[in-house]
PDB file of N, CA and C in Angstrom:
ATOM      1  N   MET A   1      61.184  60.590 151.564  1.00  0.00           N
ATOM      2  CA  MET A   1      60.786  60.771 150.180  1.00  0.00           C
ATOM      3  C   MET A   1      61.080  59.461 149.452  1.00  0.00           C
ATOM      4  N   ASP A   2      60.138  59.032 148.638  1.00  0.00           N
ATOM      5  CA  ASP A   2      60.381  57.753 147.983  1.00  0.00           C
ATOM      6  C   ASP A   2      61.343  57.912 146.800  1.00  0.00           C
ATOM      7  N   THR A   3      61.863  56.805 146.374  1.00  0.00           N
ATOM      8  CA  THR A   3      62.911  56.786 145.355  1.00  0.00           C
ATOM      9  C   THR A   3      62.463  57.401 144.031  1.00  0.00           C
ATOM     10  N   ILE A   4      61.246  57.167 143.623  1.00  0.00           N
ATOM     11  CA  ILE A   4      60.751  57.701 142.346  1.00  0.00           C
ATOM     12  C   ILE A   4      60.715  59.228 142.378  1.00  0.00           C
ATOM     13  N   LYS A   5      60.275  59.800 143.505  1.00  0.00           N
ATOM     14  CA  LYS A   5      60.266  61.262 143.623  1.00  0.00           C
ATOM     15  C   LYS A   5      61.686  61.809 143.581  1.00  0.00           C
ATOM     16  N   GLN A   6      62.610  61.154 144.259  1.00  0.00           N
ATOM     17  CA  GLN A   6      63.996  61.606 144.263  1.00  0.00           C
ATOM     18  C   GLN A   6      64.576  61.598 142.846  1.00  0.00           C
ATOM     19  N   ILE A   7      64.313  60.537 142.129  1.00  0.00           N
ATOM     20  CA  ILE A   7      64.807  60.437 140.749  1.00  0.00           C
ATOM     21  C   ILE A   7      64.164  61.514 139.883  1.00  0.00           C
ATOM     22  N   SER A   8      62.866  61.747 140.070  1.00  0.00           N
ATOM     23  CA  SER A   8      62.166  62.771 139.290  1.00  0.00           C
ATOM     24  C   SER A   8      62.754  64.153 139.551  1.00  0.00           C
ATOM     25  N   TYR A   9      63.001  64.483 140.805  1.00  0.00           N
ATOM     26  CA  TYR A   9      63.597  65.778 141.147  1.00  0.00           C
ATOM     27  C   TYR A   9      65.002  65.900 140.570  1.00  0.00           C
ATOM     28  N   PHE A  10      65.752  64.823 140.656  1.00  0.00           N
ATOM     29  CA  PHE A  10      67.106  64.833 140.108  1.00  0.00           C
ATOM     30  C   PHE A  10      67.070  65.088 138.601  1.00  0.00           C
ATOM     31  N   LEU A  11      66.213  64.362 137.886  1.00  0.00           N
ATOM     32  CA  LEU A  11      66.113  64.523 136.437  1.00  0.00           C
ATOM     33  C   LEU A  11      65.618  65.914 136.058  1.00  0.00           C
ATOM     34  N   ALA A  12      64.685  66.449 136.824  1.00  0.00           N
ATOM     35  CA  ALA A  12      64.206  67.814 136.557  1.00  0.00           C
ATOM     36  C   ALA A  12      65.344  68.812 136.731  1.00  0.00           C
ATOM     37  N   GLY A  13      66.175  68.604 137.740  1.00  0.00           N
ATOM     38  CA  GLY A  13      67.330  69.474 137.962  1.00  0.00           C
ATOM     39  C   GLY A  13      68.335  69.382 136.828  1.00  0.00           C
ATOM     40  N   VAL A  14      68.564  68.181 136.338  1.00  0.00           N
ATOM     41  CA  VAL A  14      69.488  67.986 135.215  1.00  0.00           C
ATOM     42  C   VAL A  14      68.966  68.696 133.970  1.00  0.00           C
ATOM     43  N   VAL A  15      67.674  68.554 133.699  1.00  0.00           N
ATOM     44  CA  VAL A  15      67.073  69.211 132.535  1.00  0.00           C
ATOM     45  C   VAL A  15      67.180  70.727 132.672  1.00  0.00           C
ATOM     46  N   LEU A  16      66.905  71.262 133.842  1.00  0.00           N
ATOM     47  CA  LEU A  16      66.996  72.702 134.064  1.00  0.00           C
ATOM     48  C   LEU A  16      68.429  73.203 133.862  1.00  0.00           C
ATOM     49  N   MET A  17      69.405  72.470 134.363  1.00  0.00           N
ATOM     50  CA  MET A  17      70.803  72.871 134.167  1.00  0.00           C
ATOM     51  C   MET A  17      71.170  72.827 132.690  1.00  0.00           C
ATOM     52  N   GLU A  18      70.715  71.823 131.974  1.00  0.00           N
ATOM     53  CA  GLU A  18      71.002  71.716 130.539  1.00  0.00           C
ATOM     54  C   GLU A  18      70.395  72.885 129.774  1.00  0.00           C
ATOM     55  N   MET A  19      69.171  73.269 130.114  1.00  0.00           N
ATOM     56  CA  MET A  19      68.526  74.402 129.459  1.00  0.00           C
ATOM     57  C   MET A  19      69.293  75.695 129.730  1.00  0.00           C
ATOM     58  N   THR A  20      69.751  75.871 130.955  1.00  0.00           N
ATOM     59  CA  THR A  20      70.505  77.062 131.328  1.00  0.00           C
ATOM     60  C   THR A  20      71.834  77.114 130.576  1.00  0.00           C
ATOM     61  N   LEU A  21      72.524  75.986 130.508  1.00  0.00           N
ATOM     62  CA  LEU A  21      73.785  75.941 129.782  1.00  0.00           C
ATOM     63  C   LEU A  21      73.593  76.195 128.294  1.00  0.00           C
ATOM     64  N   THR A  22      72.551  75.625 127.727  1.00  0.00           N
ATOM     65  CA  THR A  22      72.271  75.829 126.305  1.00  0.00           C
ATOM     66  C   THR A  22      72.005  77.297 126.020  1.00  0.00           C
ATOM     67  N   ALA A  23      71.229  77.950 126.865  1.00  0.00           N
ATOM     68  CA  ALA A  23      70.939  79.376 126.687  1.00  0.00           C
ATOM     69  C   ALA A  23      72.211  80.201 126.811  1.00  0.00           C
ATOM     70  N   ALA A  24      73.070  79.864 127.756  1.00  0.00           N
ATOM     71  CA  ALA A  24      74.316  80.603 127.949  1.00  0.00           C
ATOM     72  C   ALA A  24      75.251  80.424 126.762  1.00  0.00           C
ATOM     73  N   ILE A  25      75.316  79.216 126.238  1.00  0.00           N
ATOM     74  CA  ILE A  25      76.174  78.952 125.087  1.00  0.00           C
ATOM     75  C   ILE A  25      75.649  79.690 123.866  1.00  0.00           C
ATOM     76  N   ALA A  26      74.336  79.657 123.649  1.00  0.00           N
ATOM     77  CA  ALA A  26      73.753  80.362 122.506  1.00  0.00           C
ATOM     78  C   ALA A  26      74.007  81.859 122.623  1.00  0.00           C
ATOM     79  N   ARG A  27      73.904  82.398 123.810  1.00  0.00           N
ATOM     80  CA  ARG A  27      74.129  83.825 124.017  1.00  0.00           C
ATOM     81  C   ARG A  27      75.581  84.184 123.751  1.00  0.00           C
ATOM     82  N   ALA A  28      76.493  83.276 124.056  1.00  0.00           N
ATOM     83  CA  ALA A  28      77.910  83.537 123.828  1.00  0.00           C
ATOM     84  C   ALA A  28      78.229  83.634 122.341  1.00  0.00           C
ATOM     85  N   ASP A  29      77.362  83.083 121.500  1.00  0.00           N
ATOM     86  CA  ASP A  29      77.577  83.144 120.061  1.00  0.00           C
ATOM     87  C   ASP A  29      77.133  84.469 119.464  1.00  0.00           C
ATOM     88  N   ASP A  30      76.517  85.335 120.243  1.00  0.00           N
ATOM     89  CA  ASP A  30      76.140  86.655 119.763  1.00  0.00           C
ATOM     90  C   ASP A  30      77.359  87.571 119.860  1.00  0.00           C
ATOM     91  N   ARG A  31      77.388  88.571 118.980  1.00  0.00           N
ATOM     92  CA  ARG A  31      78.493  89.529 119.044  1.00  0.00           C
ATOM     93  C   ARG A  31      77.952  90.930 118.789  1.00  0.00           C
ATOM     94  N   ASP A  32      78.708  91.911 119.240  1.00  0.00           N
ATOM     95  CA  ASP A  32      78.349  93.297 118.966  1.00  0.00           C
ATOM     96  C   ASP A  32      78.495  93.568 117.479  1.00  0.00           C
ATOM     97  N   VAL A  33      77.727  94.507 116.995  1.00  0.00           N
ATOM     98  CA  VAL A  33      77.840  94.874 115.587  1.00  0.00           C
ATOM     99  C   VAL A  33      79.019  95.819 115.396  1.00  0.00           C
ATOM    100  N   THR A  34      79.573  95.801 114.217  1.00  0.00           N
ATOM    101  CA  THR A  34      80.672  96.707 113.884  1.00  0.00           C
ATOM    102  C   THR A  34      80.091  98.080 113.534  1.00  0.00           C
ATOM    103  N   ALA A  35      80.960  99.058 113.408  1.00  0.00           N
ATOM    104  CA  ALA A  35      80.517 100.408 113.033  1.00  0.00           C
ATOM    105  C   ALA A  35      79.857 100.402 111.652  1.00  0.00           C
ATOM    106  N   GLN A  36      80.413  99.639 110.729  1.00  0.00           N
ATOM    107  CA  GLN A  36      79.843  99.555 109.389  1.00  0.00           C
ATOM    108  C   GLN A  36      78.469  98.877 109.424  1.00  0.00           C
ATOM    109  N   GLU A  37      78.347  97.810 110.203  1.00  0.00           N
ATOM    110  CA  GLU A  37      77.049  97.129 110.327  1.00  0.00           C
ATOM    111  C   GLU A  37      76.023  98.057 110.973  1.00  0.00           C
ATOM    112  N   ARG A  38      76.447  98.805 111.985  1.00  0.00           N
ATOM    113  CA  ARG A  38      75.547  99.745 112.650  1.00  0.00           C
ATOM    114  C   ARG A  38      75.014 100.774 111.649  1.00  0.00           C
ATOM    115  N   GLN A  39      75.864 101.259 110.790  1.00  0.00           N
ATOM    116  CA  GLN A  39      75.449 102.230 109.775  1.00  0.00           C
ATOM    117  C   GLN A  39      74.413 101.611 108.828  1.00  0.00           C
ATOM    118  N   ARG A  40      74.648 100.377 108.409  1.00  0.00           N
ATOM    119  CA  ARG A  40      73.703  99.696 107.517  1.00  0.00           C
ATOM    120  C   ARG A  40      72.375  99.412 108.226  1.00  0.00           C
ATOM    121  N   ILE A  41      72.440  99.114 109.519  1.00  0.00           N
ATOM    122  CA  ILE A  41      71.223  98.887 110.303  1.00  0.00           C
ATOM    123  C   ILE A  41      70.404 100.172 110.375  1.00  0.00           C
ATOM    124  N   VAL A  42      71.076 101.298 110.634  1.00  0.00           N
ATOM    125  CA  VAL A  42      70.383 102.584 110.686  1.00  0.00           C
ATOM    126  C   VAL A  42      69.683 102.851 109.357  1.00  0.00           C
ATOM    127  N   GLN A  43      70.349 102.595 108.253  1.00  0.00           N
ATOM    128  CA  GLN A  43      69.740 102.787 106.935  1.00  0.00           C
ATOM    129  C   GLN A  43      68.516 101.890 106.747  1.00  0.00           C
ATOM    130  N   ALA A  44      68.636 100.637 107.151  1.00  0.00           N
ATOM    131  CA  ALA A  44      67.520  99.699 107.018  1.00  0.00           C
ATOM    132  C   ALA A  44      66.346 100.119 107.894  1.00  0.00           C
ATOM    133  N   LEU A  45      66.642 100.555 109.114  1.00  0.00           N
ATOM    134  CA  LEU A  45      65.577 100.991 110.015  1.00  0.00           C
ATOM    135  C   LEU A  45      64.894 102.249 109.488  1.00  0.00           C
ATOM    136  N   ASN A  46      65.675 103.185 108.971  1.00  0.00           N
ATOM    137  CA  ASN A  46      65.084 104.394 108.389  1.00  0.00           C
ATOM    138  C   ASN A  46      64.135 104.039 107.254  1.00  0.00           C
ATOM    139  N   ALA A  47      64.504 103.075 106.426  1.00  0.00           N
ATOM    140  CA  ALA A  47      63.638 102.633 105.332  1.00  0.00           C
ATOM    141  C   ALA A  47      62.346 102.006 105.853  1.00  0.00           C
ATOM    142  N   LEU A  48      62.394 101.464 107.071  1.00  0.00           N
ATOM    143  CA  LEU A  48      61.214 100.869 107.695  1.00  0.00           C
ATOM    144  C   LEU A  48      60.399 101.901 108.477  1.00  0.00           C
ATOM    145  N   GLY A  49      60.863 103.144 108.514  1.00  0.00           N
ATOM    146  CA  GLY A  49      60.158 104.184 109.256  1.00  0.00           C
ATOM    147  C   GLY A  49      60.525 104.211 110.728  1.00  0.00           C
ATOM    148  N   CYS A  50      61.681 103.689 111.054  1.00  0.00           N
ATOM    149  CA  CYS A  50      62.132 103.662 112.446  1.00  0.00           C
ATOM    150  C   CYS A  50      63.364 104.555 112.572  1.00  0.00           C
ATOM    151  N   SER A  51      63.531 105.157 113.753  1.00  0.00           N
ATOM    152  CA  SER A  51      64.624 106.100 113.920  1.00  0.00           C
ATOM    153  C   SER A  51      65.728 105.552 114.811  1.00  0.00           C
ATOM    154  N   SER A  52      65.557 105.592 116.087  1.00  0.00           N
ATOM    155  CA  SER A  52      66.631 105.209 117.009  1.00  0.00           C
ATOM    156  C   SER A  52      66.402 103.808 117.576  1.00  0.00           C
ATOM    157  N   PHE A  53      67.449 103.291 118.217  1.00  0.00           N
ATOM    158  CA  PHE A  53      67.353 101.992 118.890  1.00  0.00           C
ATOM    159  C   PHE A  53      68.355 101.960 120.028  1.00  0.00           C
ATOM    160  N   ASP A  54      68.127 101.066 120.993  1.00  0.00           N
ATOM    161  CA  ASP A  54      68.995 100.981 122.163  1.00  0.00           C
ATOM    162  C   ASP A  54      70.231 100.124 121.919  1.00  0.00           C
ATOM    163  N   ASP A  55      70.037  98.958 121.299  1.00  0.00           N
ATOM    164  CA  ASP A  55      71.134  98.010 121.183  1.00  0.00           C
ATOM    165  C   ASP A  55      70.931  97.159 119.942  1.00  0.00           C
ATOM    166  N   ALA A  56      72.040  96.703 119.383  1.00  0.00           N
ATOM    167  CA  ALA A  56      71.985  95.786 118.251  1.00  0.00           C
ATOM    168  C   ALA A  56      73.116  94.783 118.393  1.00  0.00           C
ATOM    169  N   GLU A  57      72.837  93.542 118.024  1.00  0.00           N
ATOM    170  CA  GLU A  57      73.864  92.515 118.021  1.00  0.00           C
ATOM    171  C   GLU A  57      73.597  91.545 116.883  1.00  0.00           C
ATOM    172  N   TYR A  58      74.636  90.816 116.531  1.00  0.00           N
ATOM    173  CA  TYR A  58      74.513  89.820 115.478  1.00  0.00           C
ATOM    174  C   TYR A  58      74.449  88.456 116.136  1.00  0.00           C
ATOM    175  N   GLU A  59      73.394  87.703 115.826  1.00  0.00           N
ATOM    176  CA  GLU A  59      73.219  86.350 116.349  1.00  0.00           C
ATOM    177  C   GLU A  59      73.871  85.393 115.360  1.00  0.00           C
ATOM    178  N   ILE A  60      75.054  84.933 115.701  1.00  0.00           N
ATOM    179  CA  ILE A  60      75.853  84.134 114.793  1.00  0.00           C
ATOM    180  C   ILE A  60      75.130  82.851 114.390  1.00  0.00           C
ATOM    181  N   ASP A  61      74.558  82.159 115.358  1.00  0.00           N
ATOM    182  CA  ASP A  61      73.916  80.879 115.057  1.00  0.00           C
ATOM    183  C   ASP A  61      72.679  81.029 114.164  1.00  0.00           C
ATOM    184  N   LYS A  62      72.014  82.169 114.229  1.00  0.00           N
ATOM    185  CA  LYS A  62      70.812  82.392 113.424  1.00  0.00           C
ATOM    186  C   LYS A  62      71.083  83.268 112.204  1.00  0.00           C
ATOM    187  N   ARG A  63      72.303  83.769 112.109  1.00  0.00           N
ATOM    188  CA  ARG A  63      72.719  84.616 110.986  1.00  0.00           C
ATOM    189  C   ARG A  63      71.769  85.785 110.767  1.00  0.00           C
ATOM    190  N   ARG A  64      71.548  86.520 111.861  1.00  0.00           N
ATOM    191  CA  ARG A  64      70.653  87.673 111.778  1.00  0.00           C
ATOM    192  C   ARG A  64      71.064  88.722 112.802  1.00  0.00           C
ATOM    193  N   PHE A  65      70.586  89.941 112.557  1.00  0.00           N
ATOM    194  CA  PHE A  65      70.778  91.037 113.496  1.00  0.00           C
ATOM    195  C   PHE A  65      69.539  91.155 114.360  1.00  0.00           C
ATOM    196  N   GLU A  66      69.749  91.403 115.643  1.00  0.00           N
ATOM    197  CA  GLU A  66      68.647  91.662 116.578  1.00  0.00           C
ATOM    198  C   GLU A  66      68.796  93.096 117.056  1.00  0.00           C
ATOM    199  N   ILE A  67      67.761  93.885 116.829  1.00  0.00           N
ATOM    200  CA  ILE A  67      67.779  95.291 117.214  1.00  0.00           C
ATOM    201  C   ILE A  67      66.735  95.485 118.301  1.00  0.00           C
ATOM    202  N   ASP A  68      67.159  95.977 119.458  1.00  0.00           N
ATOM    203  CA  ASP A  68      66.262  96.153 120.603  1.00  0.00           C
ATOM    204  C   ASP A  68      65.758  97.585 120.700  1.00  0.00           C
ATOM    205  N   ASP A  69      64.496  97.708 121.058  1.00  0.00           N
ATOM    206  CA  ASP A  69      63.865  99.003 121.356  1.00  0.00           C
ATOM    207  C   ASP A  69      64.001 100.016 120.229  1.00  0.00           C
ATOM    208  N   ALA A  70      63.738  99.578 119.010  1.00  0.00           N
ATOM    209  CA  ALA A  70      63.723 100.505 117.878  1.00  0.00           C
ATOM    210  C   ALA A  70      62.442 101.330 117.951  1.00  0.00           C
ATOM    211  N   ILE A  71      62.571 102.635 117.883  1.00  0.00           N
ATOM    212  CA  ILE A  71      61.400 103.512 117.924  1.00  0.00           C
ATOM    213  C   ILE A  71      60.990 103.801 116.485  1.00  0.00           C
ATOM    214  N   CYS A  72      59.730 103.474 116.199  1.00  0.00           N
ATOM    215  CA  CYS A  72      59.243 103.599 114.824  1.00  0.00           C
ATOM    216  C   CYS A  72      58.240 104.740 114.704  1.00  0.00           C
ATOM    217  N   ALA A  73      57.749 104.961 113.501  1.00  0.00           N
ATOM    218  CA  ALA A  73      56.916 106.127 113.174  1.00  0.00           C
ATOM    219  C   ALA A  73      55.692 106.255 114.071  1.00  0.00           C
ATOM    220  N   ASP A  74      55.180 105.139 114.572  1.00  0.00           N
ATOM    221  CA  ASP A  74      54.007 105.196 115.446  1.00  0.00           C
ATOM    222  C   ASP A  74      54.360 105.551 116.890  1.00  0.00           C
ATOM    223  N   GLY A  75      55.662 105.795 117.154  1.00  0.00           N
ATOM    224  CA  GLY A  75      56.111 106.179 118.492  1.00  0.00           C
ATOM    225  C   GLY A  75      56.289 105.010 119.448  1.00  0.00           C
ATOM    226  N   ARG A  76      56.087 103.799 118.968  1.00  0.00           N
ATOM    227  CA  ARG A  76      56.204 102.606 119.825  1.00  0.00           C
ATOM    228  C   ARG A  76      57.561 101.946 119.621  1.00  0.00           C
ATOM    229  N   LYS A  77      57.945 101.122 120.608  1.00  0.00           N
ATOM    230  CA  LYS A  77      59.222 100.418 120.559  1.00  0.00           C
ATOM    231  C   LYS A  77      59.025  99.005 120.018  1.00  0.00           C
ATOM    232  N   TYR A  78      59.959  98.594 119.179  1.00  0.00           N
ATOM    233  CA  TYR A  78      59.900  97.275 118.563  1.00  0.00           C
ATOM    234  C   TYR A  78      61.244  96.558 118.695  1.00  0.00           C
ATOM    235  N   GLU A  79      61.173  95.248 118.688  1.00  0.00           N
ATOM    236  CA  GLU A  79      62.355  94.418 118.520  1.00  0.00           C
ATOM    237  C   GLU A  79      62.327  94.006 117.053  1.00  0.00           C
ATOM    238  N   ILE A  80      63.410  94.280 116.350  1.00  0.00           N
ATOM    239  CA  ILE A  80      63.442  94.056 114.915  1.00  0.00           C
ATOM    240  C   ILE A  80      64.577  93.089 114.591  1.00  0.00           C
ATOM    241  N   TYR A  81      64.283  92.164 113.704  1.00  0.00           N
ATOM    242  CA  TYR A  81      65.272  91.205 113.238  1.00  0.00           C
ATOM    243  C   TYR A  81      65.519  91.426 111.755  1.00  0.00           C
ATOM    244  N   LEU A  82      66.794  91.560 111.393  1.00  0.00           N
ATOM    245  CA  LEU A  82      67.199  91.717 109.999  1.00  0.00           C
ATOM    246  C   LEU A  82      68.110  90.558 109.620  1.00  0.00           C
ATOM    247  N   ASP A  83      67.998  90.094 108.389  1.00  0.00           N
ATOM    248  CA  ASP A  83      68.911  89.046 107.948  1.00  0.00           C
ATOM    249  C   ASP A  83      70.295  89.644 107.666  1.00  0.00           C
ATOM    250  N   ALA A  84      71.217  88.819 107.242  1.00  0.00           N
ATOM    251  CA  ALA A  84      72.590  89.265 107.012  1.00  0.00           C
ATOM    252  C   ALA A  84      72.689  90.281 105.873  1.00  0.00           C
ATOM    253  N   ASN A  85      71.629  90.387 105.059  1.00  0.00           N
ATOM    254  CA  ASN A  85      71.575  91.379 103.980  1.00  0.00           C
ATOM    255  C   ASN A  85      70.770  92.604 104.380  1.00  0.00           C
ATOM    256  N   TYR A  86      70.475  92.728 105.672  1.00  0.00           N
ATOM    257  CA  TYR A  86      69.762  93.872 106.245  1.00  0.00           C
ATOM    258  C   TYR A  86      68.309  93.968 105.760  1.00  0.00           C
ATOM    259  N   GLN A  87      67.737  92.820 105.441  1.00  0.00           N
ATOM    260  CA  GLN A  87      66.330  92.762 105.046  1.00  0.00           C
ATOM    261  C   GLN A  87      65.502  92.328 106.251  1.00  0.00           C
ATOM    262  N   LEU A  88      64.306  92.876 106.369  1.00  0.00           N
ATOM    263  CA  LEU A  88      63.435  92.589 107.510  1.00  0.00           C
ATOM    264  C   LEU A  88      63.036  91.117 107.556  1.00  0.00           C
ATOM    265  N   ILE A  89      63.225  90.515 108.708  1.00  0.00           N
ATOM    266  CA  ILE A  89      62.734  89.161 108.974  1.00  0.00           C
ATOM    267  C   ILE A  89      61.465  89.251 109.803  1.00  0.00           C
ATOM    268  N   LYS A  90      61.556  90.057 110.885  1.00  0.00           N
ATOM    269  CA  LYS A  90      60.431  90.126 111.823  1.00  0.00           C
ATOM    270  C   LYS A  90      60.482  91.445 112.580  1.00  0.00           C
ATOM    271  N   LYS A  91      59.308  91.983 112.894  1.00  0.00           N
ATOM    272  CA  LYS A  91      59.189  93.208 113.677  1.00  0.00           C
ATOM    273  C   LYS A  91      58.151  92.936 114.757  1.00  0.00           C
ATOM    274  N   GLU A  92      58.591  92.927 116.019  1.00  0.00           N
ATOM    275  CA  GLU A  92      57.719  92.598 117.143  1.00  0.00           C
ATOM    276  C   GLU A  92      57.582  93.789 118.078  1.00  0.00           C
ATOM    277  N   LEU A  93      56.370  94.095 118.469  1.00  0.00           N
ATOM    278  CA  LEU A  93      56.124  95.155 119.430  1.00  0.00           C
ATOM    279  C   LEU A  93      56.700  94.755 120.785  1.00  0.00           C
ATOM    280  N   GLU A  94      57.475  95.661 121.399  1.00  0.00           N
ATOM    281  CA  GLU A  94      58.025  95.402 122.733  1.00  0.00           C
ATOM    282  C   GLU A  94      56.919  95.518 123.772  1.00  0.00           C
ATOM    283  N   ASP A  95      57.044  94.740 124.821  1.00  0.00           N
ATOM    284  CA  ASP A  95      56.045  94.796 125.918  1.00  0.00           C
ATOM    285  C   ASP A  95      56.172  96.058 126.714  1.00  0.00           C
TER     286      ASP A  95
END
């Protein structure tokens, strides 16, 4: 294998490791929601016409709540993002 290919593979490996580490570090900044936050999330979701959800966490670096698999009035599952004041940022249909 020539030197340029070896360097290219090495650099690609370094970039991949950096991306993996960055994702792991960002994920470590997430935390579980407290009981009080969970109650406020339920209230916010009810106001949006959604009932139950599987999981919720607070993304510290983005200062928002991420709610997974929220079931809404149309019977479909959504990923919902609320800001720190429990206001809707984004509602995405789950695959």
